[in-house]
Protein backbone atom coordinates (compact mmCIF):
# COMPACT_ATOMS: atom_id res chain seq x y z
CA MET A 1 154.04 169.19 136.82
CA GLU A 2 156.97 167.14 135.53
CA ALA A 3 158.28 164.12 137.42
CA ILE A 4 161.77 162.58 137.49
CA ASP A 5 161.99 158.80 137.07
CA ASP A 6 164.07 157.39 139.95
CA MET A 7 165.68 154.70 137.79
CA THR A 8 166.45 156.51 134.52
CA GLY A 9 166.56 160.16 135.51
CA PHE A 10 164.40 161.05 132.51
CA LYS A 11 161.71 163.65 132.84
CA LEU A 12 158.23 162.19 132.59
CA GLY A 13 155.14 164.00 131.40
CA VAL A 14 151.81 163.97 133.21
CA GLU A 15 150.31 160.44 133.03
CA SER A 16 146.75 160.25 131.76
CA GLU A 17 144.10 158.28 133.62
CA ASP A 18 143.83 155.69 130.84
CA SER A 19 147.58 155.15 130.75
CA LYS A 20 147.67 154.83 134.51
CA ALA A 21 144.94 152.17 134.42
CA VAL A 22 146.82 150.13 131.81
CA ARG A 23 150.09 150.43 133.73
CA THR A 24 148.44 149.35 136.97
CA LEU A 25 146.91 146.33 135.27
CA LEU A 26 150.25 145.32 133.76
CA GLU A 27 152.01 145.67 137.11
CA LYS A 28 149.44 143.43 138.77
CA THR A 29 149.78 140.84 136.00
CA VAL A 30 153.57 140.72 136.29
CA ALA A 31 153.46 140.60 140.07
CA GLY A 32 150.80 137.84 140.22
CA ASN A 33 150.97 134.11 139.45
CA ARG A 34 148.21 133.98 136.81
CA VAL A 35 149.58 133.89 133.27
CA VAL A 36 147.73 133.26 130.01
CA ASN A 37 149.28 130.31 128.16
CA LEU A 38 149.56 130.62 124.39
CA ARG A 39 150.31 127.80 121.94
CA CYS A 40 151.74 128.46 118.52
CA ALA A 41 149.87 126.54 115.82
CA ALA A 42 153.20 125.57 114.24
CA ASP A 43 154.11 123.66 117.41
CA ILE A 44 150.86 121.65 117.52
CA VAL A 45 150.87 118.18 115.95
CA ALA A 46 147.58 117.49 114.13
CA LYS A 47 145.81 114.34 115.30
CA PRO A 48 142.86 112.44 113.79
CA ILE A 49 139.57 111.88 115.62
CA THR A 50 139.50 108.51 117.38
CA TRP A 51 136.23 106.61 116.97
CA LEU A 52 134.58 103.74 118.78
CA TRP A 53 131.94 103.56 116.04
CA LYS A 54 133.28 105.50 113.06
CA GLY A 55 131.19 108.54 112.23
CA TRP A 56 128.83 107.98 115.16
CA LEU A 57 130.54 107.57 118.53
CA PRO A 58 133.79 109.53 119.01
CA ALA A 59 136.25 108.64 121.74
CA GLY A 60 137.07 111.42 124.21
CA LYS A 61 133.98 113.45 123.24
CA LEU A 62 130.47 114.04 124.56
CA THR A 63 127.61 112.52 122.54
CA ILE A 64 123.94 113.14 123.37
CA LEU A 65 121.35 110.43 122.60
CA ALA A 66 117.86 111.93 122.74
CA GLY A 67 114.33 110.90 121.80
CA ASN A 68 110.78 110.45 123.00
CA GLY A 69 109.88 107.84 125.56
CA GLY A 70 109.31 104.39 124.09
CA THR A 71 112.08 104.55 121.50
CA GLY A 72 114.33 102.29 123.58
CA LYS A 73 117.20 104.71 124.12
CA THR A 74 118.65 102.88 127.14
CA THR A 75 118.35 99.48 125.44
CA LEU A 76 120.00 100.95 122.35
CA ALA A 77 122.88 102.35 124.44
CA LEU A 78 123.37 98.97 126.12
CA GLY A 79 123.37 97.37 122.67
CA LEU A 80 126.27 99.62 121.70
CA ALA A 81 128.02 98.69 124.96
CA ALA A 82 127.61 95.01 124.09
CA ILE A 83 129.21 95.55 120.68
CA LEU A 84 132.17 97.32 122.25
CA THR A 85 132.79 94.75 124.99
CA ALA A 86 132.25 91.61 122.88
CA LEU A 87 133.73 92.77 119.55
CA GLY A 88 130.44 92.63 117.69
CA LYS A 89 129.40 94.51 114.57
CA TRP A 90 128.25 98.12 114.73
CA PRO A 91 124.74 98.90 113.40
CA ASP A 92 126.12 99.76 109.94
CA GLY A 93 127.79 96.35 109.68
CA VAL A 94 131.36 97.49 110.40
CA PRO A 95 133.14 95.17 112.87
CA CYS A 96 134.37 96.50 116.20
CA VAL A 97 138.10 95.74 116.25
CA LEU A 98 139.17 96.94 119.70
CA PRO A 99 137.30 95.87 122.87
CA GLY A 100 136.87 98.25 125.78
CA ASN A 101 135.43 98.58 129.26
CA VAL A 102 132.05 100.24 129.75
CA LEU A 103 131.00 102.33 132.74
CA ILE A 104 127.29 102.95 133.38
CA TRP A 105 125.84 105.61 135.65
CA SER A 106 122.06 105.32 135.76
CA SER A 107 119.66 107.02 138.14
CA GLU A 108 116.53 105.68 136.40
CA ASP A 109 116.98 101.89 136.09
CA ASN A 110 118.11 99.24 138.57
CA PRO A 111 121.16 97.23 137.47
CA ASP A 112 119.96 93.99 139.09
CA ASP A 113 116.59 93.51 137.42
CA THR A 114 116.82 95.78 134.38
CA LEU A 115 120.26 96.77 133.11
CA VAL A 116 122.20 93.54 133.70
CA PRO A 117 119.51 91.35 132.08
CA ARG A 118 119.49 93.68 129.06
CA LEU A 119 123.28 93.50 128.77
CA ILE A 120 123.13 89.70 128.88
CA ALA A 121 120.38 89.64 126.26
CA SER A 122 122.50 91.95 124.08
CA GLY A 123 125.47 89.57 124.25
CA ALA A 124 127.79 91.84 126.25
CA ASP A 125 131.00 90.64 127.90
CA MET A 126 129.85 91.15 131.50
CA THR A 127 133.43 91.23 132.84
CA ARG A 128 133.91 94.52 130.95
CA CYS A 129 130.73 96.21 132.21
CA HIS A 130 130.78 98.25 135.43
CA PHE A 131 128.24 100.42 137.27
CA ILE A 132 128.87 103.56 139.33
CA ASP A 133 127.30 102.61 142.66
CA GLY A 134 127.65 105.81 144.65
CA ILE A 135 130.41 106.99 146.96
CA THR A 136 131.52 105.70 150.36
CA GLU A 137 132.81 108.42 152.67
CA ASN A 138 133.73 107.63 156.27
CA GLY A 139 131.64 104.49 156.09
CA GLU A 140 128.58 106.33 154.76
CA ARG A 141 127.08 105.66 151.31
CA LEU A 142 126.41 108.82 149.31
CA PRO A 143 125.11 109.49 145.79
CA PHE A 144 127.76 110.02 143.13
CA ASP A 145 128.22 113.69 142.19
CA PRO A 146 130.58 114.31 139.25
CA ALA A 147 131.15 117.90 140.35
CA GLN A 148 132.68 116.65 143.62
CA ASP A 149 133.63 113.03 142.99
CA ILE A 150 135.29 113.11 139.57
CA HIS A 151 138.76 112.75 141.14
CA GLU A 152 137.72 109.51 142.85
CA LEU A 153 136.23 108.30 139.56
CA HIS A 154 139.59 108.81 137.85
CA LYS A 155 141.23 106.53 140.40
CA ALA A 156 138.48 103.90 140.19
CA VAL A 157 138.77 103.73 136.39
CA ILE A 158 142.53 103.28 136.54
CA ASN A 159 141.99 100.31 138.89
CA ILE A 160 139.87 98.48 136.28
CA GLY A 161 142.33 99.10 133.46
CA GLY A 162 140.68 102.13 131.87
CA VAL A 163 137.31 102.74 130.25
CA SER A 164 136.23 103.31 126.63
CA LEU A 165 132.57 104.26 127.09
CA LEU A 166 130.70 106.05 129.90
CA ILE A 167 126.90 105.94 129.66
CA VAL A 168 125.09 108.60 131.72
CA ASP A 169 121.35 107.96 131.98
CA PRO A 170 119.92 110.56 132.05
CA ILE A 171 122.50 113.24 131.32
CA VAL A 172 120.49 115.82 133.31
CA SER A 173 121.42 113.94 136.51
CA ALA A 174 124.93 115.31 136.05
CA VAL A 175 123.70 118.90 136.16
CA SER A 176 123.95 120.76 139.46
CA GLY A 177 121.48 123.60 139.17
CA ASP A 178 118.92 124.46 136.52
CA MET A 179 119.10 122.29 133.39
CA HIS A 180 117.44 125.13 131.45
CA LYS A 181 120.30 127.56 132.21
CA ALA A 182 123.28 127.40 129.88
CA ASN A 183 125.84 128.36 132.51
CA ASP A 184 124.67 125.66 134.93
CA VAL A 185 124.72 123.01 132.20
CA ARG A 186 128.16 123.94 130.88
CA ARG A 187 129.68 124.18 134.35
CA SER A 188 128.29 120.80 135.40
CA LEU A 189 129.07 118.85 132.24
CA GLN A 190 132.59 120.19 131.89
CA ALA A 191 133.83 117.70 134.50
CA LEU A 192 132.50 114.81 132.39
CA VAL A 193 133.91 116.30 129.19
CA ASP A 194 137.35 116.63 130.82
CA PHE A 195 137.08 113.06 132.13
CA GLY A 196 136.39 111.77 128.64
CA ASP A 197 139.32 113.71 127.20
CA VAL A 198 141.78 112.40 129.80
CA HIS A 199 140.79 108.74 129.40
CA LYS A 200 139.94 108.94 125.65
CA CYS A 201 136.53 107.71 126.69
CA ALA A 202 133.32 108.35 124.78
CA ILE A 203 130.65 109.98 126.96
CA LEU A 204 127.13 108.95 125.90
CA GLY A 205 124.51 111.04 127.68
CA ILE A 206 120.88 109.95 127.32
CA SER A 207 118.21 112.64 127.21
CA HIS A 208 114.57 113.19 126.20
CA PHE A 209 112.69 115.28 123.68
CA SER A 210 110.58 118.18 124.87
CA LYS A 211 106.81 117.87 124.50
CA ALA A 212 105.03 118.97 121.33
CA GLY A 213 108.27 119.21 119.39
CA ALA A 214 107.37 117.08 116.35
CA GLY A 215 108.23 118.84 113.12
CA LYS A 216 110.90 121.07 114.66
CA SER A 217 114.62 120.72 114.13
CA PRO A 218 115.64 117.53 116.02
CA LEU A 219 118.47 119.40 117.74
CA ASP A 220 116.01 121.96 119.11
CA ARG A 221 113.83 119.19 120.52
CA VAL A 222 116.43 118.06 123.08
CA ILE A 223 115.05 118.90 126.52
CA GLY A 224 116.73 121.55 128.66
CA SER A 225 119.17 124.26 127.73
CA GLN A 226 120.59 124.46 124.23
CA ALA A 227 123.97 124.08 125.93
CA PHE A 228 123.43 120.29 125.92
CA GLY A 229 123.52 120.25 122.14
CA ALA A 230 126.16 122.95 121.90
CA LEU A 231 128.62 121.24 124.24
CA ALA A 232 128.20 117.83 122.60
CA ARG A 233 130.25 117.09 119.50
CA MET A 234 127.64 114.60 118.31
CA VAL A 235 123.86 114.52 118.87
CA LEU A 236 121.97 111.33 118.00
CA VAL A 237 118.17 111.21 117.96
CA THR A 238 115.63 108.38 117.97
CA ALA A 239 111.99 108.02 116.94
CA LYS A 240 109.36 105.28 116.70
CA GLU A 241 107.06 104.73 113.75
CA GLU A 242 103.37 105.15 114.50
CA ASP A 243 101.42 101.88 114.75
CA SER A 244 104.63 99.90 114.24
CA SER A 245 107.57 98.54 116.21
CA ARG A 246 110.09 100.06 113.79
CA ARG A 247 112.43 102.67 115.22
CA VAL A 248 115.15 104.88 113.74
CA LEU A 249 118.42 106.40 114.92
CA ALA A 250 119.78 109.48 113.13
CA ARG A 251 122.56 112.05 113.44
CA ALA A 252 121.06 115.45 114.26
CA LYS A 253 124.39 117.20 114.76
CA SER A 254 128.02 116.42 114.12
CA ASN A 255 130.98 118.77 114.30
CA ILE A 256 133.43 116.05 113.33
CA ALA A 257 131.67 113.78 110.80
CA PRO A 258 128.80 113.76 108.28
CA ASP A 259 125.49 114.68 109.90
CA ASP A 260 123.14 112.77 107.61
CA GLY A 261 122.09 109.15 107.44
CA GLY A 262 120.52 106.85 109.99
CA VAL A 263 119.93 103.32 111.20
CA SER A 264 116.70 101.36 111.50
CA TYR A 265 116.26 99.13 114.55
CA ASN A 266 113.74 97.23 116.60
CA ILE A 267 113.40 96.34 120.28
CA GLU A 268 112.84 92.65 120.92
CA LEU A 269 111.98 90.68 124.05
CA SER A 270 114.42 87.89 124.85
CA THR A 271 114.28 85.12 127.44
CA LEU A 272 117.57 84.41 129.20
CA ASP A 273 118.75 80.96 130.28
CA SER A 274 117.65 81.89 133.80
CA GLY A 275 114.11 82.45 132.56
CA ILE A 276 114.33 86.22 133.01
CA GLU A 277 112.86 88.27 130.17
CA ALA A 278 114.77 91.30 128.94
CA THR A 279 114.74 93.60 125.94
CA CYS A 280 117.54 93.90 123.41
CA VAL A 281 118.07 95.85 120.22
CA LYS A 282 117.97 94.33 116.73
CA TRP A 283 119.68 96.38 114.03
CA GLU A 284 117.90 96.43 110.68
CA GLY A 285 120.22 98.34 108.36
CA THR A 286 121.15 101.87 107.36
CA ILE A 287 118.82 104.51 105.91
CA GLU A 288 119.49 107.79 104.11
CA GLY A 289 118.30 111.33 104.68
CA THR A 290 118.71 114.11 107.19
CA ALA A 291 117.62 113.65 110.80
CA ARG A 292 114.56 115.82 110.19
CA GLU A 293 113.53 113.76 107.16
CA ILE A 294 114.15 110.44 108.88
CA LEU A 295 112.19 111.40 111.98
CA GLY A 296 109.42 112.96 109.92
CA ASP A 297 109.05 109.75 107.96
CA VAL A 298 108.21 107.69 111.07
CA GLU A 299 106.47 110.26 113.25
CA HIS A 300 103.85 111.40 110.73
CA ASP A 301 101.54 109.54 108.40
CA GLU A 302 101.95 111.40 105.15
CA SER A 303 101.08 108.52 102.86
CA GLY A 304 98.06 110.38 101.44
CA ASP A 305 95.52 108.71 99.19
CA ALA A 306 96.45 105.82 96.94
CA GLY A 307 96.02 107.86 93.78
CA SER A 308 98.43 110.53 94.93
CA GLN A 309 101.06 107.92 95.78
CA ASP A 310 100.61 106.23 92.41
CA ASP A 311 101.10 109.58 90.66
CA LEU A 312 104.26 110.29 92.64
CA GLN A 313 105.60 106.81 91.99
CA LYS A 314 105.04 107.22 88.25
CA MET A 315 106.65 110.66 88.37
CA LEU A 316 109.82 109.26 89.94
CA ILE A 317 110.07 106.44 87.41
CA ASP A 318 109.53 108.88 84.52
CA LEU A 319 112.16 111.28 85.89
CA LEU A 320 114.76 108.54 86.19
CA THR A 321 113.89 107.01 82.82
CA GLU A 322 114.24 110.38 81.08
CA ASN A 323 117.69 110.82 82.65
CA GLY A 324 119.14 107.45 81.76
CA GLY A 325 118.03 105.70 84.93
CA LYS A 326 120.15 107.77 87.34
CA MET A 327 119.75 111.16 89.00
CA PRO A 328 121.26 113.05 91.96
CA ALA A 329 118.98 112.89 95.00
CA LYS A 330 119.18 116.68 95.38
CA VAL A 331 117.80 117.21 91.87
CA ILE A 332 114.97 114.74 92.50
CA LYS A 333 114.17 116.48 95.77
CA ALA A 334 113.80 119.80 93.96
CA GLU A 335 111.52 118.24 91.34
CA VAL A 336 109.41 116.59 94.03
CA SER A 337 109.08 119.86 95.95
CA ASP A 338 108.08 121.76 92.81
CA ALA A 339 105.36 119.17 92.21
CA GLY A 340 103.94 119.79 95.68
CA TYR A 341 105.04 116.54 97.33
CA SER A 342 107.00 116.16 100.57
CA TRP A 343 110.39 114.43 100.63
CA THR A 344 108.97 111.91 103.08
CA ALA A 345 106.26 110.93 100.61
CA ALA A 346 108.90 110.69 97.88
CA ASN A 347 110.95 108.25 99.92
CA ARG A 348 107.90 106.05 100.45
CA ALA A 349 107.10 106.10 96.75
CA LYS A 350 110.75 105.29 96.05
CA ALA A 351 110.57 102.21 98.25
CA LYS A 352 107.32 101.01 96.65
CA ALA A 353 108.74 101.47 93.15
CA GLY A 354 111.86 99.52 93.99
CA ILE A 355 114.09 102.47 93.19
CA GLU A 356 117.60 102.08 94.55
CA SER A 357 119.99 104.65 96.03
CA ALA A 358 123.71 104.81 96.71
CA LYS A 359 126.52 107.27 97.15
CA ASN A 360 128.28 108.13 93.92
CA SER A 361 131.87 107.01 94.41
CA GLY A 362 132.90 108.93 91.34
CA THR A 363 132.46 112.30 93.05
CA LYS A 364 134.65 113.83 95.71
CA ALA A 365 131.76 114.55 98.05
CA GLY A 366 130.13 111.16 97.49
CA SER A 367 126.69 112.63 96.84
CA TRP A 368 123.58 110.44 96.91
CA HIS A 369 122.02 109.26 93.63
CA TRP A 370 118.79 107.42 92.90
CA TYR A 371 118.76 104.60 90.33
CA LEU A 372 116.27 102.49 88.50
CA PRO A 373 116.93 98.85 89.48
CA ASN A 374 120.10 97.39 87.94
CA THR A 375 121.21 100.73 86.46
CA SER A 376 123.60 101.79 89.23
CA GLY A 377 126.59 101.15 86.99
CA THR A 378 128.23 98.82 89.46
CA ARG A 379 128.23 95.84 87.05
CA ASN A 380 130.49 95.58 84.02
CA HIS A 381 128.51 93.95 81.21
CA LYS A 382 130.52 91.51 79.16
CA ASN A 383 128.34 91.37 76.07
CA PRO A 384 125.35 93.07 74.40
CA GLU A 385 122.97 90.24 75.28
CA GLU A 386 123.76 90.56 79.00
CA SER A 387 123.36 94.35 78.83
CA ALA A 388 120.05 94.02 77.07
CA GLN A 389 118.73 91.49 79.57
CA ASN A 390 119.68 93.75 82.47
CA LYS A 391 117.83 96.61 80.79
CA VAL A 392 114.75 94.43 80.51
CA ASP A 393 115.10 93.47 84.17
CA SER A 394 115.41 97.17 85.04
CA LEU A 395 112.20 98.06 83.24
CA ASP A 396 110.43 95.02 84.64
CA SER A 397 111.29 96.16 88.18
CA CYS A 398 109.81 99.59 87.60
CA VAL A 399 106.51 98.85 85.86
CA ASP A 400 103.84 96.17 85.86
CA SER A 401 104.55 93.00 83.92
CA SER A 402 101.96 90.81 82.27
CA LYS A 403 101.69 87.13 82.96
CA THR A 404 103.10 86.44 79.48
CA GLY A 405 106.46 87.87 80.53
CA PHE A 406 106.29 90.89 78.25
CA VAL A 407 107.08 94.31 79.62
CA GLU A 408 104.27 96.84 79.75
CA VAL A 409 105.57 100.39 79.47
CA ASP A 410 104.35 103.76 78.33
CA ASP A 411 105.25 104.39 74.67
CA GLU A 412 106.43 107.92 75.38
CA ALA A 413 108.61 106.83 78.27
CA LEU A 414 110.08 104.09 76.05
CA LYS A 415 111.42 106.67 73.59
CA ASN A 416 113.60 108.13 76.32
CA THR A 417 115.28 104.90 77.42
CA LEU A 418 118.91 104.21 76.58
CA PRO A 419 119.42 102.42 73.24
CA LEU A 420 120.20 98.72 73.28
CA PRO A 421 121.64 96.58 70.46
CA HIS A 422 118.55 94.52 69.64
CA SER A 423 114.75 94.41 69.81
CA ILE A 424 112.31 93.10 72.40
CA PRO A 425 108.51 92.67 72.15
CA ILE A 426 106.60 95.45 73.87
CA ILE A 427 102.95 95.71 74.90
CA GLY A 428 102.03 99.25 73.94
CA SER A 429 98.94 101.19 74.92
CA LYS A 430 96.93 99.68 72.03
CA SER A 431 98.72 96.71 70.53
CA ILE A 432 101.74 94.47 70.86
CA THR A 433 104.61 95.87 68.86
CA LYS A 434 108.25 95.03 68.39
CA VAL A 435 110.36 98.09 69.04
CA ASP A 436 114.06 98.53 68.41
CA LEU A 437 115.67 99.72 71.65
C-alpha cells in the first residue's frame, strides 16, 4: 500500500524493516541530547610529551613500577620524589630543572615512622611533600576512594599550588572490584589517569610481580589484570641480584620513548640527625639491554664454569679484533647465540674483558656498538705516535701483559689488527719477535 507524506505530498513506497530501524535510531539521536563529538586532525595542534625525568617518567601519564619484594620499590619512588622536590640529578645524571610538589597515597607504610624518614634520608624538600590522609565527611574520618573522592582531591591539590607527581602505593588499592578483571581495573584507574591529565601530573603506581614469573616477559609478570600494563604508558620493573645488594631498574614498556636501557642502584641505611635510621636509594649508573636481559642478568646465575667464560671472553675479543675493534651489538648478539651462549653470559664476559659500549652517534637510530678499549673513535689523534700508543693500550686492555711491559697476543689475531705506522716488540707463541703493525 502506498502512503502520502504529509509534508511533501510525495508518494512513499513500503518501508522495509531495516530502513525503519535506521530511521527510528536517527530520530532518537536527533531528538536526544547525546551527540558524538568529532575532531578534525587538521584542527589539532601537535604537542610534545612533557617529562619529569626524560624518557622515564612522563607528566600527565600513568607509569607502573613493579618488581619482587625486597627490590626497594617504595624507597626508589621516594628517591625520585626527592630529586623532583629538591632539584637533584636523575639516575642517569641529568639535572632536574623544574621543582614540583609530590603527593603520596600509601596504604602499606606509615608516614610518621617510615615514609617521612626515608624522604629526609633521600634529601627531599619536605615542604613540597604531601600525604593523602583520608577524607573527612560530616566530622567522620573515612578512607580515601578515588572513585568517589577525586573531585575533592582536585580542590585539595589546587590549594597547595598544584602537584607534579602522585605516588600510589600499591596501585591495586585504587581498584574497586577484582584486580584480575580488565573492566574493573580500567574503570577504577581511569579517574587517576584523568586526574594526571588535568594537572599534568605523573602518576607512579607501585605494584608487585606475580609468583614464579622469572624468565617470562617482565610486562607479563606484573600482578593482576593485563589492563595495568595496557593502561600505563610506561612500565618500569626492578630486580635484585642474587647474593648481592645490587639492584636494577629497567623499562619494560614504553609507548612514548625507547623501551631499552636501565639503571643500577643500591639501597643504603642512613642515620638521620635525630638518630632515626632510614633507607635511601643510591644510584650507580646506567646499563644497557632490554628489560628481559637486564632482569635475567641479576635474577639467574648463568656464569657457568671458568673455562666456558674464558672461551666466551676470548671469542668476543677475537670478533672485535677481526672487525677493527668495533661491532654493532646486534651482530655480536647473533654470533654469541650461534655459538650457544646466552646474551647474559656475553655481557658478563664483556665486563670482565673490559670491552666498552656506546650508542653510535653517526647513525640515525643511535644503535649500540661494542668497542675494544680506546677504539671507540671518540678521540682525534694528532700524530702517528699517539695513535700507535693508543693501539698498544687497546691491546693491553684486552689481553694479558707480561711484567716486562710487552704485549702478549695471539699471532693469528695480530694479523687482523689495523695497521699502524711503526713497529712494536711482540711476545709470540714461541719467541719474542718484532712485528710491523
